[in-house]
Amino acid sequence: MLSRLAEHVYWMARYLERAENTARLISTGTHLALDQPHAVRIDWRALVEVLGGPEAAAQCDPNRTPERAAMLELIPASQHPSSIHAAVVRARENARTVRDLLPDELRERINQLYFHTHRGAETAVDRTHRFEYLRGVIEYAQGISGVIEGTLSRGPTYQFLMLGRHLERADMTTRTIDVRAATLPRDEDDHPPTWDDAVWMNMLRYLGGYSQFRQQRGPGIQGPGVVDFLLRDDRFPRSVRFCTQRMERALGELPHPESPCRLLAAAEERATAPVEAPLDAGALHRRLDALQVDLSQVHASLGETYFSEG
């Protein structure tokens, strides 16, 4: 496969995954805002920063409520790739570039996702319409994943899709855990332990991991166990460990995997280190930051190995 085409396939997968995961994170934050005790406030700006970086957070309109300003940045905004609409637009553009490599049904599903996000992005800023819109994004994205698994041959196109999907997913899982620390007060006196446990449960639900966690770990849901599950579990599709192992498998089907595999091994080693209880918020944040750097280095290595014209 030509390096240019491989890169478009990789980024198509990343943007599709980004749109779905951003929808999941917004759902989590909105449900927390609805369920929170009166004393607890959601830091919406921190959510924007976790997803889009300081530059995206700086774009939040100070003249609007924090929630509305954040939703304008994370749903309809077109100026940065962290918004749902921008991610879907870019996924569609990449898909059009490599349309000869993709099944017709896959292109049709991506177009359906695009039209859904385009029509509803502005109204989804309001809570009244937000959940229906986000649910549609997630369902369309899941349908696209099903078409990929059911119709695409396991050649280079499929392997680059898997690399893009699972690198983005691993990165977003670390950010999801970080959102929990960034959007809630650190002082335990501000809210009871039952609320703290409910936050972790809510996060598992919107990652699709609630039932899987309970099957494997039992009914008790507390922070250390959830973090351990999302970082170290080798069976849950959104855990960092599962994603790195899936990327290693994809690289095994491609030439010259040595450099990205070496960096992946380092990321997996950090992800699978024991999670100590009770959680130390500062130490957890530093670990997640370092893991995001590891994944960024894997991305750079993929570019040097497979996407460079030289």
C-alpha atoms as a PDB file:
ATOM      1  CA  MET A   1       0.000   0.000   0.000  1.00  0.00           C
ATOM      2  CA  LEU A   2       1.259   3.504  -0.819  1.00  0.00           C
ATOM      3  CA  SER A   3       2.324   5.433   2.272  1.00  0.00           C
ATOM      4  CA  ARG A   4      -0.059   8.293   1.448  1.00  0.00           C
ATOM      5  CA  LEU A   5      -3.057   5.956   1.275  1.00  0.00           C
ATOM      6  CA  ALA A   6      -2.024   4.129   4.439  1.00  0.00           C
ATOM      7  CA  GLU A   7      -1.914   7.436   6.298  1.00  0.00           C
ATOM      8  CA  HIS A   8      -5.403   8.413   5.121  1.00  0.00           C
ATOM      9  CA  VAL A   9      -6.780   5.042   6.265  1.00  0.00           C
ATOM     10  CA  TYR A  10      -5.076   5.431   9.646  1.00  0.00           C
ATOM     11  CA  TRP A  11      -6.444   8.936  10.181  1.00  0.00           C
ATOM     12  CA  MET A  12      -9.918   7.973   9.016  1.00  0.00           C
ATOM     13  CA  ALA A  13      -9.982   5.379  11.803  1.00  0.00           C
ATOM     14  CA  ARG A  14      -8.616   7.814  14.377  1.00  0.00           C
ATOM     15  CA  TYR A  15     -11.198  10.485  13.613  1.00  0.00           C
ATOM     16  CA  LEU A  16     -14.085   8.014  13.657  1.00  0.00           C
ATOM     17  CA  GLU A  17     -12.944   6.714  17.026  1.00  0.00           C
ATOM     18  CA  ARG A  18     -12.426  10.263  18.297  1.00  0.00           C
ATOM     19  CA  ALA A  19     -15.973  11.278  17.400  1.00  0.00           C
ATOM     20  CA  GLU A  20     -17.458   8.303  19.233  1.00  0.00           C
ATOM     21  CA  ASN A  21     -15.290   8.703  22.307  1.00  0.00           C
ATOM     22  CA  THR A  22     -15.914  12.441  22.528  1.00  0.00           C
ATOM     23  CA  ALA A  23     -19.637  11.698  22.411  1.00  0.00           C
ATOM     24  CA  ARG A  24     -19.189   9.195  25.232  1.00  0.00           C
ATOM     25  CA  LEU A  25     -17.240  11.673  27.357  1.00  0.00           C
ATOM     26  CA  ILE A  26     -19.790  14.450  26.862  1.00  0.00           C
ATOM     27  CA  SER A  27     -22.536  12.010  27.861  1.00  0.00           C
ATOM     28  CA  THR A  28     -20.614  11.148  31.005  1.00  0.00           C
ATOM     29  CA  GLY A  29     -20.094  14.790  31.918  1.00  0.00           C
ATOM     30  CA  THR A  30     -23.718  15.709  31.254  1.00  0.00           C
ATOM     31  CA  HIS A  31     -25.048  12.832  33.358  1.00  0.00           C
ATOM     32  CA  LEU A  32     -22.717  13.853  36.174  1.00  0.00           C
ATOM     33  CA  ALA A  33     -24.036  17.401  35.945  1.00  0.00           C
ATOM     34  CA  LEU A  34     -27.606  16.117  36.219  1.00  0.00           C
ATOM     35  CA  ASP A  35     -26.898  13.705  39.090  1.00  0.00           C
ATOM     36  CA  GLN A  36     -24.388  15.707  41.120  1.00  0.00           C
ATOM     37  CA  PRO A  37     -24.976  16.867  44.684  1.00  0.00           C
ATOM     38  CA  HIS A  38     -25.561  20.601  44.994  1.00  0.00           C
ATOM     39  CA  ALA A  39     -22.057  21.209  46.382  1.00  0.00           C
ATOM     40  CA  VAL A  40     -20.273  19.515  43.487  1.00  0.00           C
ATOM     41  CA  ARG A  41     -19.580  21.428  40.291  1.00  0.00           C
ATOM     42  CA  ILE A  42     -18.442  20.026  36.977  1.00  0.00           C
ATOM     43  CA  ASP A  43     -15.372  21.789  35.604  1.00  0.00           C
ATOM     44  CA  TRP A  44     -16.445  21.990  31.953  1.00  0.00           C
ATOM     45  CA  ARG A  45     -13.377  23.937  30.891  1.00  0.00           C
ATOM     46  CA  ALA A  46     -11.165  21.155  32.257  1.00  0.00           C
ATOM     47  CA  LEU A  47     -13.118  18.676  30.127  1.00  0.00           C
ATOM     48  CA  VAL A  48     -12.382  20.755  27.018  1.00  0.00           C
ATOM     49  CA  GLU A  49      -8.710  20.941  27.966  1.00  0.00           C
ATOM     50  CA  VAL A  50      -8.443  17.190  28.505  1.00  0.00           C
ATOM     51  CA  LEU A  51      -9.955  16.531  25.072  1.00  0.00           C
ATOM     52  CA  GLY A  52      -8.507  19.363  23.027  1.00  0.00           C
ATOM     53  CA  GLY A  53      -5.611  20.807  24.992  1.00  0.00           C
ATOM     54  CA  PRO A  54      -5.080  24.322  26.393  1.00  0.00           C
ATOM     55  CA  GLU A  55      -5.648  25.877  22.964  1.00  0.00           C
ATOM     56  CA  ALA A  56      -9.174  24.476  22.761  1.00  0.00           C
ATOM     57  CA  ALA A  57      -9.936  25.531  26.340  1.00  0.00           C
ATOM     58  CA  ALA A  58      -8.756  29.053  25.539  1.00  0.00           C
ATOM     59  CA  GLN A  59     -11.407  29.246  22.805  1.00  0.00           C
ATOM     60  CA  CYS A  60     -14.262  28.824  25.297  1.00  0.00           C
ATOM     61  CA  ASP A  61     -16.453  31.937  25.278  1.00  0.00           C
ATOM     62  CA  PRO A  62     -16.212  33.589  28.726  1.00  0.00           C
ATOM     63  CA  ASN A  63     -19.530  35.370  28.106  1.00  0.00           C
ATOM     64  CA  ARG A  64     -21.469  32.090  28.108  1.00  0.00           C
ATOM     65  CA  THR A  65     -22.129  29.619  30.898  1.00  0.00           C
ATOM     66  CA  PRO A  66     -19.208  27.175  31.306  1.00  0.00           C
ATOM     67  CA  GLU A  67     -21.299  24.231  30.133  1.00  0.00           C
ATOM     68  CA  ARG A  68     -22.612  25.957  27.010  1.00  0.00           C
ATOM     69  CA  ALA A  69     -19.166  27.321  26.125  1.00  0.00           C
ATOM     70  CA  ALA A  70     -17.715  23.813  26.441  1.00  0.00           C
ATOM     71  CA  MET A  71     -20.465  22.247  24.322  1.00  0.00           C
ATOM     72  CA  LEU A  72     -19.911  24.822  21.567  1.00  0.00           C
ATOM     73  CA  GLU A  73     -16.264  23.763  21.445  1.00  0.00           C
ATOM     74  CA  LEU A  74     -16.830  20.002  21.720  1.00  0.00           C
ATOM     75  CA  ILE A  75     -19.833  19.483  19.435  1.00  0.00           C
ATOM     76  CA  PRO A  76     -20.247  21.914  16.481  1.00  0.00           C
ATOM     77  CA  ALA A  77     -16.900  23.759  16.402  1.00  0.00           C
ATOM     78  CA  SER A  78     -15.018  23.313  13.140  1.00  0.00           C
ATOM     79  CA  GLN A  79     -11.745  25.040  14.025  1.00  0.00           C
ATOM     80  CA  HIS A  80     -10.151  22.191  15.989  1.00  0.00           C
ATOM     81  CA  PRO A  81     -10.262  18.395  15.541  1.00  0.00           C
ATOM     82  CA  SER A  82     -11.505  17.599  19.036  1.00  0.00           C
ATOM     83  CA  SER A  83     -15.125  18.509  18.304  1.00  0.00           C
ATOM     84  CA  ILE A  84     -17.477  15.775  17.148  1.00  0.00           C
ATOM     85  CA  HIS A  85     -18.445  17.585  13.959  1.00  0.00           C
ATOM     86  CA  ALA A  86     -14.854  18.364  12.960  1.00  0.00           C
ATOM     87  CA  ALA A  87     -13.722  14.792  13.635  1.00  0.00           C
ATOM     88  CA  VAL A  88     -16.490  13.357  11.451  1.00  0.00           C
ATOM     89  CA  VAL A  89     -15.795  15.838   8.646  1.00  0.00           C
ATOM     90  CA  ARG A  90     -12.132  14.842   8.641  1.00  0.00           C
ATOM     91  CA  ALA A  91     -12.951  11.140   8.792  1.00  0.00           C
ATOM     92  CA  ARG A  92     -15.210  11.555   5.761  1.00  0.00           C
ATOM     93  CA  GLU A  93     -12.557  13.494   3.840  1.00  0.00           C
ATOM     94  CA  ASN A  94      -9.992  10.767   4.471  1.00  0.00           C
ATOM     95  CA  ALA A  95     -12.514   8.090   3.483  1.00  0.00           C
ATOM     96  CA  ARG A  96     -13.202   9.862   0.188  1.00  0.00           C
ATOM     97  CA  THR A  97      -9.481   9.940  -0.568  1.00  0.00           C
ATOM     98  CA  VAL A  98      -9.201   6.142  -0.152  1.00  0.00           C
ATOM     99  CA  ARG A  99     -12.685   5.242  -1.401  1.00  0.00           C
ATOM    100  CA  ASP A 100     -11.315   2.595  -3.780  1.00  0.00           C
ATOM    101  CA  LEU A 101      -9.959   0.674  -0.769  1.00  0.00           C
ATOM    102  CA  LEU A 102     -13.234   0.649   1.178  1.00  0.00           C
ATOM    103  CA  PRO A 103     -16.437  -1.376   0.778  1.00  0.00           C
ATOM    104  CA  ASP A 104     -19.399   0.623  -0.558  1.00  0.00           C
ATOM    105  CA  GLU A 105     -21.390  -0.060   2.598  1.00  0.00           C
ATOM    106  CA  LEU A 106     -18.636   1.406   4.763  1.00  0.00           C
ATOM    107  CA  ARG A 107     -18.596   4.648   2.780  1.00  0.00           C
ATOM    108  CA  GLU A 108     -22.394   4.832   3.021  1.00  0.00           C
ATOM    109  CA  ARG A 109     -22.296   4.413   6.797  1.00  0.00           C
ATOM    110  CA  ILE A 110     -19.681   7.160   7.146  1.00  0.00           C
ATOM    111  CA  ASN A 111     -21.886   9.464   5.072  1.00  0.00           C
ATOM    112  CA  GLN A 112     -24.846   8.678   7.330  1.00  0.00           C
ATOM    113  CA  LEU A 113     -22.767   9.592  10.388  1.00  0.00           C
ATOM    114  CA  TYR A 114     -21.719  12.823   8.685  1.00  0.00           C
ATOM    115  CA  PHE A 115     -25.293  13.871   7.897  1.00  0.00           C
ATOM    116  CA  HIS A 116     -26.392  13.086  11.455  1.00  0.00           C
ATOM    117  CA  THR A 117     -23.612  15.176  13.003  1.00  0.00           C
ATOM    118  CA  HIS A 118     -24.048  18.001  10.486  1.00  0.00           C
ATOM    119  CA  ARG A 119     -27.806  18.340  11.016  1.00  0.00           C
ATOM    120  CA  GLY A 120     -27.864  18.146  14.790  1.00  0.00           C
ATOM    121  CA  ALA A 121     -24.621  19.732  15.983  1.00  0.00           C
ATOM    122  CA  GLU A 122     -25.947  23.211  16.801  1.00  0.00           C
ATOM    123  CA  THR A 123     -29.068  22.032  18.638  1.00  0.00           C
ATOM    124  CA  ALA A 124     -27.081  19.423  20.617  1.00  0.00           C
ATOM    125  CA  VAL A 125     -25.427  22.256  22.523  1.00  0.00           C
ATOM    126  CA  ASP A 126     -28.646  22.388  24.575  1.00  0.00           C
ATOM    127  CA  ARG A 127     -29.313  19.566  27.029  1.00  0.00           C
ATOM    128  CA  THR A 128     -32.806  19.074  25.589  1.00  0.00           C
ATOM    129  CA  HIS A 129     -31.455  17.576  22.366  1.00  0.00           C
ATOM    130  CA  ARG A 130     -27.980  16.505  23.477  1.00  0.00           C
ATOM    131  CA  PHE A 131     -28.557  12.917  24.536  1.00  0.00           C
ATOM    132  CA  GLU A 132     -30.431  11.964  21.372  1.00  0.00           C
ATOM    133  CA  TYR A 133     -27.655  13.478  19.267  1.00  0.00           C
ATOM    134  CA  LEU A 134     -24.848  11.794  21.208  1.00  0.00           C
ATOM    135  CA  ARG A 135     -26.644   8.456  21.182  1.00  0.00           C
ATOM    136  CA  GLY A 136     -26.916   8.744  17.398  1.00  0.00           C
ATOM    137  CA  VAL A 137     -23.191   9.456  17.047  1.00  0.00           C
ATOM    138  CA  ILE A 138     -22.318   6.409  19.144  1.00  0.00           C
ATOM    139  CA  GLU A 139     -24.763   4.131  17.321  1.00  0.00           C
ATOM    140  CA  TYR A 140     -23.610   5.210  13.859  1.00  0.00           C
ATOM    141  CA  ALA A 141     -19.973   4.758  14.899  1.00  0.00           C
ATOM    142  CA  GLN A 142     -20.727   1.298  16.261  1.00  0.00           C
ATOM    143  CA  GLY A 143     -22.441   0.439  12.976  1.00  0.00           C
ATOM    144  CA  ILE A 144     -19.339   1.507  11.074  1.00  0.00           C
ATOM    145  CA  SER A 145     -17.214  -0.763  13.276  1.00  0.00           C
ATOM    146  CA  GLY A 146     -19.554  -3.643  12.516  1.00  0.00           C
ATOM    147  CA  VAL A 147     -19.265  -3.078   8.760  1.00  0.00           C
ATOM    148  CA  ILE A 148     -15.467  -2.979   9.031  1.00  0.00           C
ATOM    149  CA  GLU A 149     -15.389  -6.273  10.914  1.00  0.00           C
ATOM    150  CA  GLY A 150     -17.920  -7.936   8.649  1.00  0.00           C
ATOM    151  CA  THR A 151     -16.860  -6.838   5.166  1.00  0.00           C
ATOM    152  CA  LEU A 152     -13.205  -5.759   5.059  1.00  0.00           C
ATOM    153  CA  SER A 153     -10.487  -8.229   4.079  1.00  0.00           C
ATOM    154  CA  ARG A 154      -7.675  -8.606   6.624  1.00  0.00           C
ATOM    155  CA  GLY A 155      -5.067  -6.968   4.430  1.00  0.00           C
ATOM    156  CA  PRO A 156      -3.034  -3.771   4.936  1.00  0.00           C
ATOM    157  CA  THR A 157      -6.121  -1.518   4.837  1.00  0.00           C
ATOM    158  CA  TYR A 158      -7.660  -3.394   7.749  1.00  0.00           C
ATOM    159  CA  GLN A 159      -4.402  -3.395   9.728  1.00  0.00           C
ATOM    160  CA  PHE A 160      -3.943   0.377   9.391  1.00  0.00           C
ATOM    161  CA  LEU A 161      -7.559   0.852  10.435  1.00  0.00           C
ATOM    162  CA  MET A 162      -6.855  -1.217  13.545  1.00  0.00           C
ATOM    163  CA  LEU A 163      -3.742   0.800  14.330  1.00  0.00           C
ATOM    164  CA  GLY A 164      -5.628   4.087  14.070  1.00  0.00           C
ATOM    165  CA  ARG A 165      -8.659   2.868  15.999  1.00  0.00           C
ATOM    166  CA  HIS A 166      -6.772   1.358  18.915  1.00  0.00           C
ATOM    167  CA  LEU A 167      -4.178   4.099  19.296  1.00  0.00           C
ATOM    168  CA  GLU A 168      -6.956   6.690  19.467  1.00  0.00           C
ATOM    169  CA  ARG A 169      -8.987   4.484  21.799  1.00  0.00           C
ATOM    170  CA  ALA A 170      -6.091   3.906  24.198  1.00  0.00           C
ATOM    171  CA  ASP A 171      -5.333   7.619  24.283  1.00  0.00           C
ATOM    172  CA  MET A 172      -8.976   8.495  24.894  1.00  0.00           C
ATOM    173  CA  THR A 173      -9.290   5.927  27.682  1.00  0.00           C
ATOM    174  CA  THR A 174      -6.433   7.627  29.511  1.00  0.00           C
ATOM    175  CA  ARG A 175      -8.187  10.959  28.977  1.00  0.00           C
ATOM    176  CA  THR A 176     -11.471   9.550  30.236  1.00  0.00           C
ATOM    177  CA  ILE A 177      -9.804   8.531  33.484  1.00  0.00           C
ATOM    178  CA  ASP A 178      -8.187  11.961  33.639  1.00  0.00           C
ATOM    179  CA  VAL A 179     -11.574  13.653  33.226  1.00  0.00           C
ATOM    180  CA  ARG A 180     -12.689  11.993  36.436  1.00  0.00           C
ATOM    181  CA  ALA A 181      -9.843  13.681  38.285  1.00  0.00           C
ATOM    182  CA  ALA A 182     -10.040  16.973  36.399  1.00  0.00           C
ATOM    183  CA  THR A 183     -13.778  17.679  36.634  1.00  0.00           C
ATOM    184  CA  LEU A 184     -14.480  16.835  40.273  1.00  0.00           C
ATOM    185  CA  PRO A 185     -13.242  18.342  43.564  1.00  0.00           C
ATOM    186  CA  ARG A 186     -10.223  16.694  45.133  1.00  0.00           C
ATOM    187  CA  ASP A 187     -11.373  17.423  48.711  1.00  0.00           C
ATOM    188  CA  GLU A 188     -13.236  14.379  50.034  1.00  0.00           C
ATOM    189  CA  ASP A 189     -15.166  16.619  52.447  1.00  0.00           C
ATOM    190  CA  ASP A 190     -17.007  18.150  49.474  1.00  0.00           C
ATOM    191  CA  HIS A 191     -18.934  14.968  48.686  1.00  0.00           C
ATOM    192  CA  PRO A 192     -19.639  11.585  50.314  1.00  0.00           C
ATOM    193  CA  PRO A 193     -17.897   8.325  49.332  1.00  0.00           C
ATOM    194  CA  THR A 194     -21.145   7.043  47.799  1.00  0.00           C
ATOM    195  CA  TRP A 195     -21.042   9.926  45.319  1.00  0.00           C
ATOM    196  CA  ASP A 196     -17.415   9.171  44.521  1.00  0.00           C
ATOM    197  CA  ASP A 197     -18.296   5.545  43.731  1.00  0.00           C
ATOM    198  CA  ALA A 198     -21.252   6.683  41.608  1.00  0.00           C
ATOM    199  CA  VAL A 199     -18.909   8.764  39.476  1.00  0.00           C
ATOM    200  CA  TRP A 200     -16.753   5.737  38.681  1.00  0.00           C
ATOM    201  CA  MET A 201     -19.860   3.686  37.914  1.00  0.00           C
ATOM    202  CA  ASN A 202     -21.145   6.373  35.561  1.00  0.00           C
ATOM    203  CA  MET A 203     -17.813   6.482  33.772  1.00  0.00           C
ATOM    204  CA  LEU A 204     -17.854   2.709  33.271  1.00  0.00           C
ATOM    205  CA  ARG A 205     -21.369   2.885  31.842  1.00  0.00           C
ATOM    206  CA  TYR A 206     -20.437   5.358  29.156  1.00  0.00           C
ATOM    207  CA  LEU A 207     -17.345   3.417  28.193  1.00  0.00           C
ATOM    208  CA  GLY A 208     -19.594   0.398  27.768  1.00  0.00           C
ATOM    209  CA  GLY A 209     -17.731  -1.409  30.522  1.00  0.00           C
ATOM    210  CA  TYR A 210     -20.174  -1.472  33.438  1.00  0.00           C
ATOM    211  CA  SER A 211     -21.540  -4.997  32.959  1.00  0.00           C
ATOM    212  CA  GLN A 212     -18.135  -6.377  31.965  1.00  0.00           C
ATOM    213  CA  PHE A 213     -16.531  -4.886  35.064  1.00  0.00           C
ATOM    214  CA  ARG A 214     -19.172  -6.400  37.344  1.00  0.00           C
ATOM    215  CA  GLN A 215     -18.862  -9.817  35.694  1.00  0.00           C
ATOM    216  CA  GLN A 216     -15.112  -9.848  36.268  1.00  0.00           C
ATOM    217  CA  ARG A 217     -14.713  -7.863  39.493  1.00  0.00           C
ATOM    218  CA  GLY A 218     -18.012  -8.234  41.348  1.00  0.00           C
ATOM    219  CA  PRO A 219     -20.603  -5.620  42.373  1.00  0.00           C
ATOM    220  CA  GLY A 220     -18.289  -3.280  44.289  1.00  0.00           C
ATOM    221  CA  ILE A 221     -17.238  -0.301  42.161  1.00  0.00           C
ATOM    222  CA  GLN A 222     -14.429   1.851  43.546  1.00  0.00           C
ATOM    223  CA  GLY A 223     -11.783   4.009  41.956  1.00  0.00           C
ATOM    224  CA  PRO A 224      -8.709   1.749  42.204  1.00  0.00           C
ATOM    225  CA  GLY A 225     -10.554  -1.229  40.732  1.00  0.00           C
ATOM    226  CA  VAL A 226     -11.969   0.819  37.867  1.00  0.00           C
ATOM    227  CA  VAL A 227      -8.588   2.315  36.998  1.00  0.00           C
ATOM    228  CA  ASP A 228      -7.001  -1.132  37.139  1.00  0.00           C
ATOM    229  CA  PHE A 229      -9.712  -2.475  34.811  1.00  0.00           C
ATOM    230  CA  LEU A 230      -9.377   0.356  32.276  1.00  0.00           C
ATOM    231  CA  LEU A 231      -5.589   0.250  32.191  1.00  0.00           C
ATOM    232  CA  ARG A 232      -4.650  -3.391  32.741  1.00  0.00           C
ATOM    233  CA  ASP A 233      -7.491  -5.692  31.685  1.00  0.00           C
ATOM    234  CA  ASP A 234      -6.603  -7.778  28.630  1.00  0.00           C
ATOM    235  CA  ARG A 235     -10.185  -8.696  27.646  1.00  0.00           C
ATOM    236  CA  PHE A 236     -12.115  -5.410  27.697  1.00  0.00           C
ATOM    237  CA  PRO A 237     -11.865  -3.716  24.249  1.00  0.00           C
ATOM    238  CA  ARG A 238     -11.407  -0.213  25.650  1.00  0.00           C
ATOM    239  CA  SER A 239      -8.664  -0.962  28.155  1.00  0.00           C
ATOM    240  CA  VAL A 240      -5.240   0.403  27.316  1.00  0.00           C
ATOM    241  CA  ARG A 241      -3.664  -3.044  27.557  1.00  0.00           C
ATOM    242  CA  PHE A 242      -6.188  -4.574  25.141  1.00  0.00           C
ATOM    243  CA  CYS A 243      -5.544  -1.732  22.681  1.00  0.00           C
ATOM    244  CA  THR A 244      -1.760  -2.054  22.775  1.00  0.00           C
ATOM    245  CA  GLN A 245      -1.997  -5.811  22.279  1.00  0.00           C
ATOM    246  CA  ARG A 246      -4.349  -5.335  19.339  1.00  0.00           C
ATOM    247  CA  MET A 247      -1.915  -2.859  17.781  1.00  0.00           C
ATOM    248  CA  GLU A 248       0.937  -5.321  18.213  1.00  0.00           C
ATOM    249  CA  ARG A 249      -1.127  -7.909  16.365  1.00  0.00           C
ATOM    250  CA  ALA A 250      -1.790  -5.484  13.495  1.00  0.00           C
ATOM    251  CA  LEU A 251       1.890  -4.584  13.276  1.00  0.00           C
ATOM    252  CA  GLY A 252       2.717  -8.281  13.060  1.00  0.00           C
ATOM    253  CA  GLU A 253       0.893  -8.318   9.710  1.00  0.00           C
ATOM    254  CA  LEU A 254       2.904  -5.373   8.339  1.00  0.00           C
ATOM    255  CA  PRO A 255       6.559  -5.042   7.290  1.00  0.00           C
ATOM    256  CA  HIS A 256       9.226  -3.441   9.502  1.00  0.00           C
ATOM    257  CA  PRO A 257       7.288  -3.306  12.794  1.00  0.00           C
ATOM    258  CA  GLU A 258      10.360  -3.217  15.057  1.00  0.00           C
ATOM    259  CA  SER A 259      10.410   0.464  16.085  1.00  0.00           C
ATOM    260  CA  PRO A 260       6.680   0.941  16.797  1.00  0.00           C
ATOM    261  CA  CYS A 261       6.538  -2.453  18.540  1.00  0.00           C
ATOM    262  CA  ARG A 262       9.378  -1.463  20.849  1.00  0.00           C
ATOM    263  CA  LEU A 263       7.577   1.748  21.820  1.00  0.00           C
ATOM    264  CA  LEU A 264       4.298  -0.101  22.232  1.00  0.00           C
ATOM    265  CA  ALA A 265       5.981  -2.472  24.668  1.00  0.00           C
ATOM    266  CA  ALA A 266       7.075   0.507  26.775  1.00  0.00           C
ATOM    267  CA  ALA A 267       3.526   1.902  26.776  1.00  0.00           C
ATOM    268  CA  GLU A 268       2.101  -1.463  27.758  1.00  0.00           C
ATOM    269  CA  GLU A 269       4.609  -1.827  30.586  1.00  0.00           C
ATOM    270  CA  ARG A 270       3.505   1.511  32.029  1.00  0.00           C
ATOM    271  CA  ALA A 271      -0.185   0.704  31.567  1.00  0.00           C
ATOM    272  CA  THR A 272       0.085  -2.667  33.296  1.00  0.00           C
ATOM    273  CA  ALA A 273       1.992  -1.478  36.364  1.00  0.00           C
ATOM    274  CA  PRO A 274       0.003  -2.163  39.559  1.00  0.00           C
ATOM    275  CA  VAL A 275      -2.637   0.373  40.593  1.00  0.00           C
ATOM    276  CA  GLU A 276      -2.239   1.212  44.255  1.00  0.00           C
ATOM    277  CA  ALA A 277      -5.099   1.912  46.638  1.00  0.00           C
ATOM    278  CA  PRO A 278      -6.123   4.431  47.740  1.00  0.00           C
ATOM    279  CA  LEU A 279      -5.670   6.421  44.548  1.00  0.00           C
ATOM    280  CA  ASP A 280      -3.297   9.357  44.664  1.00  0.00           C
ATOM    281  CA  ALA A 281      -4.791  11.905  42.247  1.00  0.00           C
ATOM    282  CA  GLY A 282      -1.465  13.580  41.507  1.00  0.00           C
ATOM    283  CA  ALA A 283       0.391  10.324  40.903  1.00  0.00           C
ATOM    284  CA  LEU A 284      -2.435   9.039  38.708  1.00  0.00           C
ATOM    285  CA  HIS A 285      -2.401  12.206  36.624  1.00  0.00           C
ATOM    286  CA  ARG A 286       1.370  11.964  36.131  1.00  0.00           C
ATOM    287  CA  ARG A 287       1.082   8.310  35.124  1.00  0.00           C
ATOM    288  CA  LEU A 288      -1.633   9.099  32.587  1.00  0.00           C
ATOM    289  CA  ASP A 289       0.382  12.012  31.210  1.00  0.00           C
ATOM    290  CA  ALA A 290       3.400   9.765  30.752  1.00  0.00           C
ATOM    291  CA  LEU A 291       1.249   7.120  29.091  1.00  0.00           C
ATOM    292  CA  GLN A 292      -0.107   9.703  26.664  1.00  0.00           C
ATOM    293  CA  VAL A 293       3.480  10.648  25.805  1.00  0.00           C
ATOM    294  CA  ASP A 294       4.249   6.958  25.199  1.00  0.00           C
ATOM    295  CA  LEU A 295       1.309   6.697  22.803  1.00  0.00           C
ATOM    296  CA  SER A 296       2.352   9.895  21.060  1.00  0.00           C
ATOM    297  CA  GLN A 297       5.768   8.357  20.455  1.00  0.00           C
ATOM    298  CA  VAL A 298       4.117   5.263  18.980  1.00  0.00           C
ATOM    299  CA  HIS A 299       2.179   7.544  16.627  1.00  0.00           C
ATOM    300  CA  ALA A 300       5.374   9.309  15.571  1.00  0.00           C
ATOM    301  CA  SER A 301       7.090   5.984  14.954  1.00  0.00           C
ATOM    302  CA  LEU A 302       4.193   4.809  12.784  1.00  0.00           C
ATOM    303  CA  GLY A 303       4.579   7.969  10.740  1.00  0.00           C
ATOM    304  CA  GLU A 304       8.299   7.471  10.272  1.00  0.00           C
ATOM    305  CA  THR A 305       7.923   3.782   9.459  1.00  0.00           C
ATOM    306  CA  TYR A 306       4.875   3.730   7.194  1.00  0.00           C
ATOM    307  CA  PHE A 307       3.770   7.224   6.187  1.00  0.00           C
ATOM    308  CA  SER A 308       7.043   8.899   5.211  1.00  0.00           C
ATOM    309  CA  GLU A 309       7.548   9.238   1.464  1.00  0.00           C
ATOM    310  CA  GLY A 310      11.293   9.009   1.991  1.00  0.00           C
END
